Amino acid sequence: MKPLMFLTVFLVGALAMPALVESAQPAKQAGQSSVRAQRPPRKVQGETPKPILVDGDQAYKANCLRCHWEPRKFSEREMVTIMRHMRVRANLTSEETEAILKYLTR
């Protein structure tokens, strides 16, 4: 197949793909909202979120002990920086990060 012909077939297919996907989805019924509108409602101003309690000792044992056998002592400023990096590397939630930081700096 010649390169120009291949490019033409590719572009026509790429342009037709959104129309094919849209036609394959079931039609919306009256009053039915889109997937985007089905997100949970936004937080109402003045409403306090329910705190998720995470034990720092348990979070450390579950996430950090794989590589760090004993917690080393660093200043609180250094620990904040270290935890910022380790949150990404260990895939920690913000609650786990805060709990581990409090556990290590107490």
PDB file of N, CA and C in Angstrom:
ATOM      1  N   MET A   1       0.846  -1.169   0.000  1.00  0.00           N
ATOM      2  CA  MET A   1       0.000   0.000   0.000  1.00  0.00           C
ATOM      3  C   MET A   1       0.896   1.238   0.000  1.00  0.00           C
ATOM      4  N   LYS A   2       0.545   2.179  -0.784  1.00  0.00           N
ATOM      5  CA  LYS A   2       1.349   3.386  -0.882  1.00  0.00           C
ATOM      6  C   LYS A   2       1.184   4.215   0.393  1.00  0.00           C
ATOM      7  N   PRO A   3       2.227   4.940   0.784  1.00  0.00           N
ATOM      8  CA  PRO A   3       2.157   5.722   2.026  1.00  0.00           C
ATOM      9  C   PRO A   3       1.029   6.749   2.031  1.00  0.00           C
ATOM     10  N   LEU A   4       0.782   7.413   0.927  1.00  0.00           N
ATOM     11  CA  LEU A   4      -0.272   8.417   0.883  1.00  0.00           C
ATOM     12  C   LEU A   4      -1.636   7.779   1.047  1.00  0.00           C
ATOM     13  N   MET A   5      -1.840   6.629   0.438  1.00  0.00           N
ATOM     14  CA  MET A   5      -3.115   5.927   0.557  1.00  0.00           C
ATOM     15  C   MET A   5      -3.318   5.453   2.002  1.00  0.00           C
ATOM     16  N   PHE A   6      -2.249   4.947   2.620  1.00  0.00           N
ATOM     17  CA  PHE A   6      -2.326   4.496   4.011  1.00  0.00           C
ATOM     18  C   PHE A   6      -2.693   5.658   4.926  1.00  0.00           C
ATOM     19  N   LEU A   7      -2.062   6.810   4.731  1.00  0.00           N
ATOM     20  CA  LEU A   7      -2.338   7.986   5.546  1.00  0.00           C
ATOM     21  C   LEU A   7      -3.784   8.435   5.377  1.00  0.00           C
ATOM     22  N   THR A   8      -4.301   8.395   4.155  1.00  0.00           N
ATOM     23  CA  THR A   8      -5.676   8.793   3.891  1.00  0.00           C
ATOM     24  C   THR A   8      -6.652   7.858   4.602  1.00  0.00           C
ATOM     25  N   VAL A   9      -6.425   6.558   4.511  1.00  0.00           N
ATOM     26  CA  VAL A   9      -7.297   5.588   5.173  1.00  0.00           C
ATOM     27  C   VAL A   9      -7.237   5.775   6.684  1.00  0.00           C
ATOM     28  N   PHE A  10      -6.052   6.015   7.215  1.00  0.00           N
ATOM     29  CA  PHE A  10      -5.892   6.225   8.651  1.00  0.00           C
ATOM     30  C   PHE A  10      -6.654   7.458   9.121  1.00  0.00           C
ATOM     31  N   LEU A  11      -6.521   8.562   8.410  1.00  0.00           N
ATOM     32  CA  LEU A  11      -7.187   9.799   8.807  1.00  0.00           C
ATOM     33  C   LEU A  11      -8.710   9.688   8.711  1.00  0.00           C
ATOM     34  N   VAL A  12      -9.207   9.040   7.666  1.00  0.00           N
ATOM     35  CA  VAL A  12     -10.656   8.863   7.535  1.00  0.00           C
ATOM     36  C   VAL A  12     -11.171   8.012   8.692  1.00  0.00           C
ATOM     37  N   GLY A  13     -10.451   6.969   9.058  1.00  0.00           N
ATOM     38  CA  GLY A  13     -10.846   6.122  10.183  1.00  0.00           C
ATOM     39  C   GLY A  13     -10.814   6.885  11.494  1.00  0.00           C
ATOM     40  N   ALA A  14      -9.791   7.701  11.685  1.00  0.00           N
ATOM     41  CA  ALA A  14      -9.664   8.472  12.921  1.00  0.00           C
ATOM     42  C   ALA A  14     -10.782   9.498  13.048  1.00  0.00           C
ATOM     43  N   LEU A  15     -11.174  10.095  11.929  1.00  0.00           N
ATOM     44  CA  LEU A  15     -12.243  11.091  11.965  1.00  0.00           C
ATOM     45  C   LEU A  15     -13.610  10.442  12.153  1.00  0.00           C
ATOM     46  N   ALA A  16     -13.778   9.225  11.673  1.00  0.00           N
ATOM     47  CA  ALA A  16     -15.070   8.545  11.785  1.00  0.00           C
ATOM     48  C   ALA A  16     -15.246   7.873  13.140  1.00  0.00           C
ATOM     49  N   MET A  17     -14.184   7.626  13.887  1.00  0.00           N
ATOM     50  CA  MET A  17     -14.258   6.893  15.154  1.00  0.00           C
ATOM     51  C   MET A  17     -15.181   7.550  16.179  1.00  0.00           C
ATOM     52  N   PRO A  18     -15.119   8.858  16.444  1.00  0.00           N
ATOM     53  CA  PRO A  18     -16.029   9.438  17.436  1.00  0.00           C
ATOM     54  C   PRO A  18     -17.502   9.245  17.065  1.00  0.00           C
ATOM     55  N   ALA A  19     -17.818   9.341  15.791  1.00  0.00           N
ATOM     56  CA  ALA A  19     -19.204   9.150  15.367  1.00  0.00           C
ATOM     57  C   ALA A  19     -19.641   7.708  15.592  1.00  0.00           C
ATOM     58  N   LEU A  20     -18.751   6.754  15.368  1.00  0.00           N
ATOM     59  CA  LEU A  20     -19.083   5.349  15.587  1.00  0.00           C
ATOM     60  C   LEU A  20     -19.287   5.049  17.069  1.00  0.00           C
ATOM     61  N   VAL A  21     -18.438   5.605  17.905  1.00  0.00           N
ATOM     62  CA  VAL A  21     -18.563   5.387  19.347  1.00  0.00           C
ATOM     63  C   VAL A  21     -19.860   5.995  19.855  1.00  0.00           C
ATOM     64  N   GLU A  22     -20.185   7.192  19.404  1.00  0.00           N
ATOM     65  CA  GLU A  22     -21.401   7.867  19.849  1.00  0.00           C
ATOM     66  C   GLU A  22     -22.648   7.107  19.393  1.00  0.00           C
ATOM     67  N   SER A  23     -22.631   6.560  18.199  1.00  0.00           N
ATOM     68  CA  SER A  23     -23.791   5.829  17.714  1.00  0.00           C
ATOM     69  C   SER A  23     -23.945   4.484  18.406  1.00  0.00           C
ATOM     70  N   ALA A  24     -22.870   3.942  18.964  1.00  0.00           N
ATOM     71  CA  ALA A  24     -22.934   2.655  19.649  1.00  0.00           C
ATOM     72  C   ALA A  24     -23.505   2.785  21.053  1.00  0.00           C
ATOM     73  N   GLN A  25     -23.479   3.980  21.633  1.00  0.00           N
ATOM     74  CA  GLN A  25     -24.012   4.189  22.974  1.00  0.00           C
ATOM     75  C   GLN A  25     -25.526   4.297  22.915  1.00  0.00           C
ATOM     76  N   PRO A  26     -26.225   3.783  23.948  1.00  0.00           N
ATOM     77  CA  PRO A  26     -27.683   3.889  23.950  1.00  0.00           C
ATOM     78  C   PRO A  26     -28.129   5.345  24.020  1.00  0.00           C
ATOM     79  N   ALA A  27     -29.240   5.633  23.395  1.00  0.00           N
ATOM     80  CA  ALA A  27     -29.757   6.998  23.383  1.00  0.00           C
ATOM     81  C   ALA A  27     -30.234   7.392  24.771  1.00  0.00           C
ATOM     82  N   LYS A  28     -30.049   8.664  25.127  1.00  0.00           N
ATOM     83  CA  LYS A  28     -30.516   9.149  26.424  1.00  0.00           C
ATOM     84  C   LYS A  28     -32.025   9.294  26.399  1.00  0.00           C
ATOM     85  N   GLN A  29     -32.618   8.918  27.508  1.00  0.00           N
ATOM     86  CA  GLN A  29     -34.050   9.112  27.640  1.00  0.00           C
ATOM     87  C   GLN A  29     -34.282  10.473  28.257  1.00  0.00           C
ATOM     88  N   ALA A  30     -35.492  10.967  28.134  1.00  0.00           N
ATOM     89  CA  ALA A  30     -35.813  12.285  28.679  1.00  0.00           C
ATOM     90  C   ALA A  30     -35.605  12.272  30.189  1.00  0.00           C
ATOM     91  N   GLY A  31     -34.949  13.283  30.703  1.00  0.00           N
ATOM     92  CA  GLY A  31     -34.719  13.403  32.130  1.00  0.00           C
ATOM     93  C   GLY A  31     -33.495  12.646  32.616  1.00  0.00           C
ATOM     94  N   GLN A  32     -32.819  11.916  31.757  1.00  0.00           N
ATOM     95  CA  GLN A  32     -31.638  11.171  32.154  1.00  0.00           C
ATOM     96  C   GLN A  32     -30.421  12.061  31.977  1.00  0.00           C
ATOM     97  N   SER A  33     -29.587  12.108  32.984  1.00  0.00           N
ATOM     98  CA  SER A  33     -28.421  12.987  32.923  1.00  0.00           C
ATOM     99  C   SER A  33     -27.231  12.250  32.339  1.00  0.00           C
ATOM    100  N   SER A  34     -26.252  13.004  31.939  1.00  0.00           N
ATOM    101  CA  SER A  34     -25.049  12.411  31.365  1.00  0.00           C
ATOM    102  C   SER A  34     -24.179  11.824  32.472  1.00  0.00           C
ATOM    103  N   VAL A  35     -23.158  11.080  32.087  1.00  0.00           N
ATOM    104  CA  VAL A  35     -22.251  10.464  33.052  1.00  0.00           C
ATOM    105  C   VAL A  35     -21.541  11.539  33.859  1.00  0.00           C
ATOM    106  N   ARG A  36     -21.170  12.616  33.213  1.00  0.00           N
ATOM    107  CA  ARG A  36     -20.465  13.700  33.892  1.00  0.00           C
ATOM    108  C   ARG A  36     -21.318  14.315  35.008  1.00  0.00           C
ATOM    109  N   ALA A  37     -22.626  14.373  34.823  1.00  0.00           N
ATOM    110  CA  ALA A  37     -23.505  14.972  35.820  1.00  0.00           C
ATOM    111  C   ALA A  37     -23.775  14.026  36.983  1.00  0.00           C
ATOM    112  N   GLN A  38     -23.319  12.779  36.925  1.00  0.00           N
ATOM    113  CA  GLN A  38     -23.583  11.826  37.982  1.00  0.00           C
ATOM    114  C   GLN A  38     -22.506  11.836  39.061  1.00  0.00           C
ATOM    115  N   ARG A  39     -21.657  12.821  39.067  1.00  0.00           N
ATOM    116  CA  ARG A  39     -20.649  12.939  40.110  1.00  0.00           C
ATOM    117  C   ARG A  39     -21.337  13.210  41.441  1.00  0.00           C
ATOM    118  N   PRO A  40     -20.663  12.895  42.546  1.00  0.00           N
ATOM    119  CA  PRO A  40     -21.254  13.192  43.843  1.00  0.00           C
ATOM    120  C   PRO A  40     -21.439  14.690  44.013  1.00  0.00           C
ATOM    121  N   PRO A  41     -22.417  15.102  44.783  1.00  0.00           N
ATOM    122  CA  PRO A  41     -22.666  16.535  44.947  1.00  0.00           C
ATOM    123  C   PRO A  41     -21.479  17.227  45.606  1.00  0.00           C
ATOM    124  N   ARG A  42     -21.293  18.467  45.277  1.00  0.00           N
ATOM    125  CA  ARG A  42     -20.195  19.227  45.852  1.00  0.00           C
ATOM    126  C   ARG A  42     -20.459  19.502  47.318  1.00  0.00           C
ATOM    127  N   LYS A  43     -19.383  19.763  48.035  1.00  0.00           N
ATOM    128  CA  LYS A  43     -19.486  20.037  49.457  1.00  0.00           C
ATOM    129  C   LYS A  43     -20.212  21.363  49.673  1.00  0.00           C
ATOM    130  N   VAL A  44     -21.181  21.344  50.555  1.00  0.00           N
ATOM    131  CA  VAL A  44     -21.940  22.547  50.873  1.00  0.00           C
ATOM    132  C   VAL A  44     -21.090  23.409  51.786  1.00  0.00           C
ATOM    133  N   GLN A  45     -21.099  24.713  51.532  1.00  0.00           N
ATOM    134  CA  GLN A  45     -20.297  25.617  52.334  1.00  0.00           C
ATOM    135  C   GLN A  45     -20.778  25.595  53.776  1.00  0.00           C
ATOM    136  N   GLY A  46     -19.845  25.502  54.703  1.00  0.00           N
ATOM    137  CA  GLY A  46     -20.172  25.450  56.107  1.00  0.00           C
ATOM    138  C   GLY A  46     -20.315  24.030  56.631  1.00  0.00           C
ATOM    139  N   GLU A  47     -20.366  23.052  55.751  1.00  0.00           N
ATOM    140  CA  GLU A  47     -20.481  21.654  56.155  1.00  0.00           C
ATOM    141  C   GLU A  47     -19.082  21.120  56.418  1.00  0.00           C
ATOM    142  N   THR A  48     -18.873  20.496  57.569  1.00  0.00           N
ATOM    143  CA  THR A  48     -17.561  19.962  57.890  1.00  0.00           C
ATOM    144  C   THR A  48     -17.469  18.520  57.422  1.00  0.00           C
ATOM    145  N   PRO A  49     -16.371  18.169  56.754  1.00  0.00           N
ATOM    146  CA  PRO A  49     -16.223  16.790  56.288  1.00  0.00           C
ATOM    147  C   PRO A  49     -15.970  15.849  57.461  1.00  0.00           C
ATOM    148  N   LYS A  50     -16.377  14.605  57.305  1.00  0.00           N
ATOM    149  CA  LYS A  50     -16.135  13.607  58.340  1.00  0.00           C
ATOM    150  C   LYS A  50     -14.661  13.221  58.294  1.00  0.00           C
ATOM    151  N   PRO A  51     -13.968  13.312  59.426  1.00  0.00           N
ATOM    152  CA  PRO A  51     -12.545  12.969  59.410  1.00  0.00           C
ATOM    153  C   PRO A  51     -12.340  11.467  59.268  1.00  0.00           C
ATOM    154  N   ILE A  52     -11.344  11.113  58.494  1.00  0.00           N
ATOM    155  CA  ILE A  52     -10.968   9.710  58.351  1.00  0.00           C
ATOM    156  C   ILE A  52      -9.787   9.496  59.279  1.00  0.00           C
ATOM    157  N   LEU A  53      -9.974   8.668  60.264  1.00  0.00           N
ATOM    158  CA  LEU A  53      -8.939   8.456  61.254  1.00  0.00           C
ATOM    159  C   LEU A  53      -7.995   7.342  60.793  1.00  0.00           C
ATOM    160  N   VAL A  54      -6.728   7.699  60.695  1.00  0.00           N
ATOM    161  CA  VAL A  54      -5.699   6.748  60.297  1.00  0.00           C
ATOM    162  C   VAL A  54      -4.671   6.720  61.411  1.00  0.00           C
ATOM    163  N   ASP A  55      -4.337   5.537  61.897  1.00  0.00           N
ATOM    164  CA  ASP A  55      -3.323   5.388  62.930  1.00  0.00           C
ATOM    165  C   ASP A  55      -1.949   5.459  62.270  1.00  0.00           C
ATOM    166  N   GLY A  56      -1.114   6.384  62.718  1.00  0.00           N
ATOM    167  CA  GLY A  56       0.201   6.581  62.122  1.00  0.00           C
ATOM    168  C   GLY A  56       1.103   5.374  62.254  1.00  0.00           C
ATOM    169  N   ASP A  57       1.043   4.695  63.408  1.00  0.00           N
ATOM    170  CA  ASP A  57       1.863   3.503  63.620  1.00  0.00           C
ATOM    171  C   ASP A  57       1.474   2.391  62.649  1.00  0.00           C
ATOM    172  N   GLN A  58       0.188   2.146  62.507  1.00  0.00           N
ATOM    173  CA  GLN A  58      -0.279   1.116  61.585  1.00  0.00           C
ATOM    174  C   GLN A  58       0.025   1.487  60.137  1.00  0.00           C
ATOM    175  N   ALA A  59      -0.155   2.761  59.790  1.00  0.00           N
ATOM    176  CA  ALA A  59       0.134   3.202  58.427  1.00  0.00           C
ATOM    177  C   ALA A  59       1.619   3.052  58.117  1.00  0.00           C
ATOM    178  N   TYR A  60       2.480   3.373  59.101  1.00  0.00           N
ATOM    179  CA  TYR A  60       3.921   3.202  58.901  1.00  0.00           C
ATOM    180  C   TYR A  60       4.257   1.731  58.682  1.00  0.00           C
ATOM    181  N   LYS A  61       3.691   0.868  59.531  1.00  0.00           N
ATOM    182  CA  LYS A  61       3.971  -0.571  59.417  1.00  0.00           C
ATOM    183  C   LYS A  61       3.454  -1.136  58.091  1.00  0.00           C
ATOM    184  N   ALA A  62       2.312  -0.662  57.636  1.00  0.00           N
ATOM    185  CA  ALA A  62       1.717  -1.190  56.406  1.00  0.00           C
ATOM    186  C   ALA A  62       2.422  -0.694  55.149  1.00  0.00           C
ATOM    187  N   ASN A  63       2.981   0.510  55.182  1.00  0.00           N
ATOM    188  CA  ASN A  63       3.529   1.106  53.965  1.00  0.00           C
ATOM    189  C   ASN A  63       5.042   1.294  53.967  1.00  0.00           C
ATOM    190  N   CYS A  64       5.629   1.582  55.107  1.00  0.00           N
ATOM    191  CA  CYS A  64       7.033   1.992  55.137  1.00  0.00           C
ATOM    192  C   CYS A  64       7.993   0.874  55.511  1.00  0.00           C
ATOM    193  N   LEU A  65       7.509  -0.102  56.290  1.00  0.00           N
ATOM    194  CA  LEU A  65       8.402  -1.151  56.777  1.00  0.00           C
ATOM    195  C   LEU A  65       8.942  -2.058  55.686  1.00  0.00           C
ATOM    196  N   ARG A  66       8.373  -1.992  54.507  1.00  0.00           N
ATOM    197  CA  ARG A  66       8.906  -2.800  53.404  1.00  0.00           C
ATOM    198  C   ARG A  66      10.342  -2.425  53.101  1.00  0.00           C
ATOM    199  N   CYS A  67      10.652  -1.142  53.219  1.00  0.00           N
ATOM    200  CA  CYS A  67      11.990  -0.654  52.873  1.00  0.00           C
ATOM    201  C   CYS A  67      12.728  -0.051  54.069  1.00  0.00           C
ATOM    202  N   HIS A  68      12.005   0.533  55.014  1.00  0.00           N
ATOM    203  CA  HIS A  68      12.606   1.254  56.136  1.00  0.00           C
ATOM    204  C   HIS A  68      12.320   0.485  57.420  1.00  0.00           C
ATOM    205  N   TRP A  69      13.323  -0.247  57.903  1.00  0.00           N
ATOM    206  CA  TRP A  69      13.108  -1.096  59.079  1.00  0.00           C
ATOM    207  C   TRP A  69      12.924  -0.295  60.341  1.00  0.00           C
ATOM    208  N   GLU A  70      13.663   0.763  60.490  1.00  0.00           N
ATOM    209  CA  GLU A  70      13.573   1.555  61.714  1.00  0.00           C
ATOM    210  C   GLU A  70      13.495   3.025  61.331  1.00  0.00           C
ATOM    211  N   PRO A  71      12.526   3.761  61.882  1.00  0.00           N
ATOM    212  CA  PRO A  71      12.422   5.182  61.512  1.00  0.00           C
ATOM    213  C   PRO A  71      13.630   5.963  61.999  1.00  0.00           C
ATOM    214  N   ARG A  72      14.228   6.720  61.103  1.00  0.00           N
ATOM    215  CA  ARG A  72      15.356   7.575  61.462  1.00  0.00           C
ATOM    216  C   ARG A  72      14.825   8.910  61.933  1.00  0.00           C
ATOM    217  N   LYS A  73      15.577   9.569  62.738  1.00  0.00           N
ATOM    218  CA  LYS A  73      15.164  10.860  63.283  1.00  0.00           C
ATOM    219  C   LYS A  73      15.672  11.992  62.394  1.00  0.00           C
ATOM    220  N   PHE A  74      14.747  12.767  61.891  1.00  0.00           N
ATOM    221  CA  PHE A  74      15.040  13.967  61.128  1.00  0.00           C
ATOM    222  C   PHE A  74      14.287  15.118  61.754  1.00  0.00           C
ATOM    223  N   SER A  75      14.654  16.334  61.403  1.00  0.00           N
ATOM    224  CA  SER A  75      13.899  17.485  61.886  1.00  0.00           C
ATOM    225  C   SER A  75      12.518  17.475  61.225  1.00  0.00           C
ATOM    226  N   GLU A  76      11.601  18.203  61.815  1.00  0.00           N
ATOM    227  CA  GLU A  76      10.242  18.235  61.264  1.00  0.00           C
ATOM    228  C   GLU A  76      10.241  18.801  59.848  1.00  0.00           C
ATOM    229  N   ARG A  77      11.064  19.787  59.602  1.00  0.00           N
ATOM    230  CA  ARG A  77      11.156  20.381  58.267  1.00  0.00           C
ATOM    231  C   ARG A  77      11.650  19.360  57.231  1.00  0.00           C
ATOM    232  N   GLU A  78      12.653  18.578  57.597  1.00  0.00           N
ATOM    233  CA  GLU A  78      13.157  17.542  56.698  1.00  0.00           C
ATOM    234  C   GLU A  78      12.109  16.453  56.474  1.00  0.00           C
ATOM    235  N   MET A  79      11.383  16.099  57.538  1.00  0.00           N
ATOM    236  CA  MET A  79      10.372  15.046  57.418  1.00  0.00           C
ATOM    237  C   MET A  79       9.235  15.456  56.490  1.00  0.00           C
ATOM    238  N   VAL A  80       8.867  16.719  56.498  1.00  0.00           N
ATOM    239  CA  VAL A  80       7.813  17.194  55.591  1.00  0.00           C
ATOM    240  C   VAL A  80       8.249  16.988  54.147  1.00  0.00           C
ATOM    241  N   THR A  81       9.495  17.325  53.845  1.00  0.00           N
ATOM    242  CA  THR A  81      10.011  17.144  52.489  1.00  0.00           C
ATOM    243  C   THR A  81      10.100  15.668  52.131  1.00  0.00           C
ATOM    244  N   ILE A  82      10.608  14.869  53.045  1.00  0.00           N
ATOM    245  CA  ILE A  82      10.722  13.425  52.800  1.00  0.00           C
ATOM    246  C   ILE A  82       9.352  12.816  52.571  1.00  0.00           C
ATOM    247  N   MET A  83       8.378  13.179  53.389  1.00  0.00           N
ATOM    248  CA  MET A  83       7.034  12.605  53.259  1.00  0.00           C
ATOM    249  C   MET A  83       6.370  13.031  51.955  1.00  0.00           C
ATOM    250  N   ARG A  84       6.672  14.230  51.480  1.00  0.00           N
ATOM    251  CA  ARG A  84       6.120  14.667  50.200  1.00  0.00           C
ATOM    252  C   ARG A  84       6.608  13.754  49.076  1.00  0.00           C
ATOM    253  N   HIS A  85       7.879  13.398  49.122  1.00  0.00           N
ATOM    254  CA  HIS A  85       8.435  12.502  48.111  1.00  0.00           C
ATOM    255  C   HIS A  85       7.926  11.069  48.283  1.00  0.00           C
ATOM    256  N   MET A  86       7.867  10.620  49.520  1.00  0.00           N
ATOM    257  CA  MET A  86       7.462   9.239  49.774  1.00  0.00           C
ATOM    258  C   MET A  86       5.971   9.039  49.520  1.00  0.00           C
ATOM    259  N   ARG A  87       5.182  10.082  49.634  1.00  0.00           N
ATOM    260  CA  ARG A  87       3.749   9.959  49.332  1.00  0.00           C
ATOM    261  C   ARG A  87       3.558   9.510  47.886  1.00  0.00           C
ATOM    262  N   VAL A  88       4.334  10.073  46.998  1.00  0.00           N
ATOM    263  CA  VAL A  88       4.245   9.720  45.585  1.00  0.00           C
ATOM    264  C   VAL A  88       4.803   8.311  45.353  1.00  0.00           C
ATOM    265  N   ARG A  89       5.962   8.027  45.928  1.00  0.00           N
ATOM    266  CA  ARG A  89       6.615   6.737  45.692  1.00  0.00           C
ATOM    267  C   ARG A  89       5.842   5.571  46.292  1.00  0.00           C
ATOM    268  N   ALA A  90       5.224   5.771  47.469  1.00  0.00           N
ATOM    269  CA  ALA A  90       4.516   4.685  48.146  1.00  0.00           C
ATOM    270  C   ALA A  90       3.018   4.719  47.870  1.00  0.00           C
ATOM    271  N   ASN A  91       2.571   5.696  47.064  1.00  0.00           N
ATOM    272  CA  ASN A  91       1.156   5.822  46.714  1.00  0.00           C
ATOM    273  C   ASN A  91       0.288   5.957  47.961  1.00  0.00           C
ATOM    274  N   LEU A  92       0.651   6.900  48.825  1.00  0.00           N
ATOM    275  CA  LEU A  92      -0.070   7.124  50.074  1.00  0.00           C
ATOM    276  C   LEU A  92      -1.194   8.134  49.881  1.00  0.00           C
ATOM    277  N   THR A  93      -2.241   7.992  50.672  1.00  0.00           N
ATOM    278  CA  THR A  93      -3.299   8.998  50.675  1.00  0.00           C
ATOM    279  C   THR A  93      -2.832  10.168  51.535  1.00  0.00           C
ATOM    280  N   SER A  94      -3.537  11.280  51.457  1.00  0.00           N
ATOM    281  CA  SER A  94      -3.155  12.439  52.262  1.00  0.00           C
ATOM    282  C   SER A  94      -3.340  12.151  53.749  1.00  0.00           C
ATOM    283  N   GLU A  95      -4.376  11.359  54.098  1.00  0.00           N
ATOM    284  CA  GLU A  95      -4.602  11.010  55.502  1.00  0.00           C
ATOM    285  C   GLU A  95      -3.462  10.145  56.036  1.00  0.00           C
ATOM    286  N   GLU A  96      -3.015   9.169  55.237  1.00  0.00           N
ATOM    287  CA  GLU A  96      -1.902   8.318  55.645  1.00  0.00           C
ATOM    288  C   GLU A  96      -0.622   9.136  55.786  1.00  0.00           C
ATOM    289  N   THR A  97      -0.408  10.047  54.871  1.00  0.00           N
ATOM    290  CA  THR A  97       0.791  10.883  54.906  1.00  0.00           C
ATOM    291  C   THR A  97       0.831  11.720  56.170  1.00  0.00           C
ATOM    292  N   GLU A  98      -0.282  12.366  56.499  1.00  0.00           N
ATOM    293  CA  GLU A  98      -0.350  13.189  57.707  1.00  0.00           C
ATOM    294  C   GLU A  98      -0.162  12.347  58.960  1.00  0.00           C
ATOM    295  N   ALA A  99      -0.789  11.176  59.006  1.00  0.00           N
ATOM    296  CA  ALA A  99      -0.681  10.308  60.177  1.00  0.00           C
ATOM    297  C   ALA A  99       0.754   9.818  60.363  1.00  0.00           C
ATOM    298  N   ILE A 100       1.407   9.422  59.285  1.00  0.00           N
ATOM    299  CA  ILE A 100       2.795   8.957  59.372  1.00  0.00           C
ATOM    300  C   ILE A 100       3.712  10.103  59.770  1.00  0.00           C
ATOM    301  N   LEU A 101       3.474  11.288  59.235  1.00  0.00           N
ATOM    302  CA  LEU A 101       4.286  12.454  59.583  1.00  0.00           C
ATOM    303  C   LEU A 101       4.158  12.767  61.062  1.00  0.00           C
ATOM    304  N   LYS A 102       2.953  12.745  61.591  1.00  0.00           N
ATOM    305  CA  LYS A 102       2.756  12.981  63.028  1.00  0.00           C
ATOM    306  C   LYS A 102       3.430  11.888  63.852  1.00  0.00           C
ATOM    307  N   TYR A 103       3.338  10.645  63.397  1.00  0.00           N
ATOM    308  CA  TYR A 103       3.953   9.522  64.099  1.00  0.00           C
ATOM    309  C   TYR A 103       5.469   9.669  64.146  1.00  0.00           C
ATOM    310  N   LEU A 104       6.075  10.083  63.061  1.00  0.00           N
ATOM    311  CA  LEU A 104       7.521  10.184  62.988  1.00  0.00           C
ATOM    312  C   LEU A 104       8.086  11.422  63.674  1.00  0.00           C
ATOM    313  N   THR A 105       7.297  12.465  63.808  1.00  0.00           N
ATOM    314  CA  THR A 105       7.812  13.715  64.406  1.00  0.00           C
ATOM    315  C   THR A 105       7.415  13.894  65.862  1.00  0.00           C
ATOM    316  N   ARG A 106       6.770  12.942  66.427  1.00  0.00           N
ATOM    317  CA  ARG A 106       6.390  13.105  67.854  1.00  0.00           C
ATOM    318  C   ARG A 106       7.516  12.755  68.761  1.00  0.00           C
TER     319      ARG A 106
END
